[in-house]
Amino acid sequence: MDNTLAAFLAYFRRLATDNLALRDFVHGPSGRIIAGSRRELTYPLLWLETPSLALADKDGTAPLGQRHAALIVLDSASASDYADQDAKWASTEAIALEVLSRMRRDYKARQFVAFSLDGTVLEAVATLTVAGEIGWRFEFSLSDYPAPLTYDATRWH
């Protein structure tokens, strides 16, 4: 996978499509998760927060990029049905772990250069008062890609 935003989004869209439990994929800023309408979404879903791109020079010879992002696995749950909530906590945690395991597999197959579970925290997310959703979120980085940082003289006066 290259370090373009399009390739990054396509990778996670494919993860959501390939997983048998996930039924939808969404990407956007975290504010959209908090404020947005969810009527058009199908649960459970994978939400990719808009990634950032950190840049570094490798000995001044090759710019490298590191994508920082967060994934959220969400499902709808009844605010008044605790048994349903418990079941959704368990199922969304299992899906989140499946996604992490696929990312580890893809890292080992060299689809991206650097990915580690060190320091990864699977954080509970509950928006029951807003949209009746619960799930799990984790932040991660994919790093050491050649950065899409190439000077093109034809694009300048």
Protein backbone atom coordinates (compact mmCIF):
# COMPACT_ATOMS: atom_id res chain seq x y z
CA MET A 1 0.00 0.00 0.00
CA ASP A 2 1.36 3.41 -0.83
CA ASN A 3 1.01 6.38 1.50
CA THR A 4 -1.64 8.28 -0.44
CA LEU A 5 -4.90 9.06 1.30
CA ALA A 6 -6.83 7.21 -1.43
CA ALA A 7 -4.83 4.01 -0.88
CA PHE A 8 -5.21 4.31 2.91
CA LEU A 9 -9.00 4.68 2.66
CA ALA A 10 -9.23 1.85 0.12
CA TYR A 11 -7.36 -0.52 2.44
CA PHE A 12 -9.78 0.06 5.33
CA ARG A 13 -12.82 0.00 3.04
CA ARG A 14 -11.62 -3.43 1.88
CA LEU A 15 -11.16 -4.57 5.51
CA ALA A 16 -14.77 -3.67 6.23
CA THR A 17 -15.99 -5.41 3.08
CA ASP A 18 -13.92 -8.55 3.70
CA ASN A 19 -15.04 -9.01 7.31
CA LEU A 20 -18.17 -11.19 7.47
CA ALA A 21 -19.61 -9.40 10.52
CA LEU A 22 -19.22 -5.80 9.34
CA ARG A 23 -22.02 -4.38 7.21
CA ASP A 24 -20.84 -0.82 6.50
CA PHE A 25 -17.79 1.44 6.25
CA VAL A 26 -17.66 5.16 7.00
CA HIS A 27 -14.78 7.58 7.22
CA GLY A 28 -14.64 11.13 8.48
CA PRO A 29 -13.59 13.34 11.38
CA SER A 30 -14.45 12.37 14.93
CA GLY A 31 -16.83 15.36 15.16
CA ARG A 32 -18.96 13.73 12.48
CA ILE A 33 -19.25 10.63 14.65
CA ILE A 34 -20.47 12.71 17.58
CA ALA A 35 -22.87 14.99 15.71
CA GLY A 36 -23.94 13.16 12.58
CA SER A 37 -27.17 11.47 11.68
CA ARG A 38 -26.86 7.71 11.44
CA ARG A 39 -30.11 6.78 9.71
CA GLU A 40 -28.35 5.80 6.50
CA LEU A 41 -25.82 3.50 8.22
CA THR A 42 -26.03 -0.27 8.53
CA TYR A 43 -24.71 -1.83 11.75
CA PRO A 44 -22.28 -3.13 12.80
CA LEU A 45 -19.89 -0.82 10.99
CA LEU A 46 -16.27 0.22 10.78
CA TRP A 47 -15.65 3.95 11.15
CA LEU A 48 -12.22 5.27 10.16
CA GLU A 49 -11.43 8.67 11.59
CA THR A 50 -9.74 10.96 9.06
CA PRO A 51 -6.02 10.21 9.31
CA SER A 52 -3.18 12.65 9.74
CA LEU A 53 0.13 12.42 7.91
CA ALA A 54 3.40 12.97 9.77
CA LEU A 55 6.51 13.58 7.69
CA ALA A 56 10.16 12.88 8.44
CA ASP A 57 13.42 12.95 6.51
CA LYS A 58 15.41 9.73 6.42
CA ASP A 59 18.98 10.98 6.65
CA GLY A 60 17.96 13.85 4.37
CA THR A 61 17.69 11.45 1.42
CA ALA A 62 14.11 10.19 1.37
CA PRO A 63 11.03 11.70 2.96
CA LEU A 64 9.00 9.19 4.95
CA GLY A 65 5.37 9.38 5.96
CA GLN A 66 3.44 8.02 8.91
CA ARG A 67 -0.36 7.84 8.94
CA HIS A 68 -2.03 8.29 12.34
CA ALA A 69 -5.70 7.36 12.63
CA ALA A 70 -8.33 5.65 14.73
CA LEU A 71 -10.79 2.89 13.95
CA ILE A 72 -14.13 2.48 15.64
CA VAL A 73 -16.34 -0.59 15.46
CA LEU A 74 -19.91 0.48 16.26
CA ASP A 75 -23.24 -1.28 16.63
CA SER A 76 -26.67 -0.03 17.59
CA ALA A 77 -27.99 -0.92 21.04
CA SER A 78 -31.08 -0.23 23.05
CA ALA A 79 -30.53 2.30 25.82
CA SER A 80 -32.93 0.40 28.08
CA ASP A 81 -31.94 -3.21 27.29
CA TYR A 82 -28.82 -4.11 29.25
CA ALA A 83 -28.70 -7.66 27.88
CA ASP A 84 -28.62 -6.22 24.34
CA GLN A 85 -25.87 -3.80 25.36
CA ASP A 86 -23.79 -6.62 26.87
CA ALA A 87 -24.17 -8.67 23.70
CA LYS A 88 -23.16 -5.70 21.52
CA TRP A 89 -20.15 -4.90 23.73
CA ALA A 90 -18.97 -8.49 23.28
CA SER A 91 -19.64 -8.68 19.55
CA THR A 92 -18.06 -5.32 18.71
CA GLU A 93 -15.00 -6.17 20.80
CA ALA A 94 -14.64 -9.45 18.89
CA ILE A 95 -14.93 -7.62 15.55
CA ALA A 96 -12.37 -5.00 16.63
CA LEU A 97 -9.94 -7.79 17.56
CA GLU A 98 -10.59 -9.43 14.18
CA VAL A 99 -9.71 -6.15 12.44
CA LEU A 100 -6.50 -5.87 14.49
CA SER A 101 -5.60 -9.46 13.66
CA ARG A 102 -6.10 -8.77 9.94
CA MET A 103 -3.92 -5.66 10.17
CA ARG A 104 -1.19 -7.75 11.86
CA ARG A 105 -1.48 -10.37 9.12
CA ASP A 106 -1.25 -7.73 6.41
CA TYR A 107 1.75 -6.16 8.15
CA LYS A 108 3.51 -9.54 8.23
CA ALA A 109 2.70 -9.91 4.51
CA ARG A 110 4.40 -6.51 4.02
CA GLN A 111 1.33 -4.63 2.84
CA PHE A 112 2.60 -1.80 5.02
CA VAL A 113 5.98 -1.18 6.58
CA ALA A 114 5.44 -0.56 10.29
CA PHE A 115 2.53 -1.56 12.53
CA SER A 116 2.69 -2.61 16.16
CA LEU A 117 0.22 -3.49 18.87
CA ASP A 118 2.57 -2.07 21.51
CA GLY A 119 0.62 0.49 23.49
CA THR A 120 -2.62 -0.20 21.62
CA VAL A 121 -5.64 0.44 23.84
CA LEU A 122 -9.05 -0.79 22.84
CA GLU A 123 -11.24 1.97 24.29
CA ALA A 124 -14.95 1.56 24.97
CA VAL A 125 -17.19 4.01 23.10
CA ALA A 126 -20.79 4.65 24.07
CA THR A 127 -23.10 7.16 22.45
CA LEU A 128 -26.30 5.68 23.85
CA THR A 129 -27.77 9.08 24.64
CA VAL A 130 -27.05 10.39 21.12
CA ALA A 131 -27.60 7.61 18.63
CA GLY A 132 -27.92 4.35 20.54
CA GLU A 133 -24.45 3.11 19.61
CA ILE A 134 -21.74 1.23 21.48
CA GLY A 135 -18.43 -0.21 20.39
CA TRP A 136 -14.67 -0.01 20.55
CA ARG A 137 -12.06 2.46 19.31
CA PHE A 138 -8.32 2.14 18.86
CA GLU A 139 -5.68 4.53 17.63
CA PHE A 140 -2.83 3.32 15.47
CA SER A 141 -0.02 4.36 13.15
CA LEU A 142 1.20 2.91 9.89
CA SER A 143 4.66 4.26 9.22
CA ASP A 144 7.87 4.46 7.25
CA TYR A 145 6.29 4.75 3.85
CA PRO A 146 7.91 6.80 1.15
CA ALA A 147 6.00 10.06 1.50
CA PRO A 148 4.17 11.45 -1.53
CA LEU A 149 6.48 14.45 -1.41
CA THR A 150 7.93 14.94 -4.87
CA TYR A 151 8.65 18.35 -6.34
CA ASP A 152 7.10 18.74 -9.80
CA ALA A 153 8.42 21.81 -11.63
CA THR A 154 5.50 21.71 -14.08
CA ARG A 155 3.12 22.65 -11.28
CA TRP A 156 4.90 25.95 -10.53
CA HIS A 157 5.42 29.30 -12.31
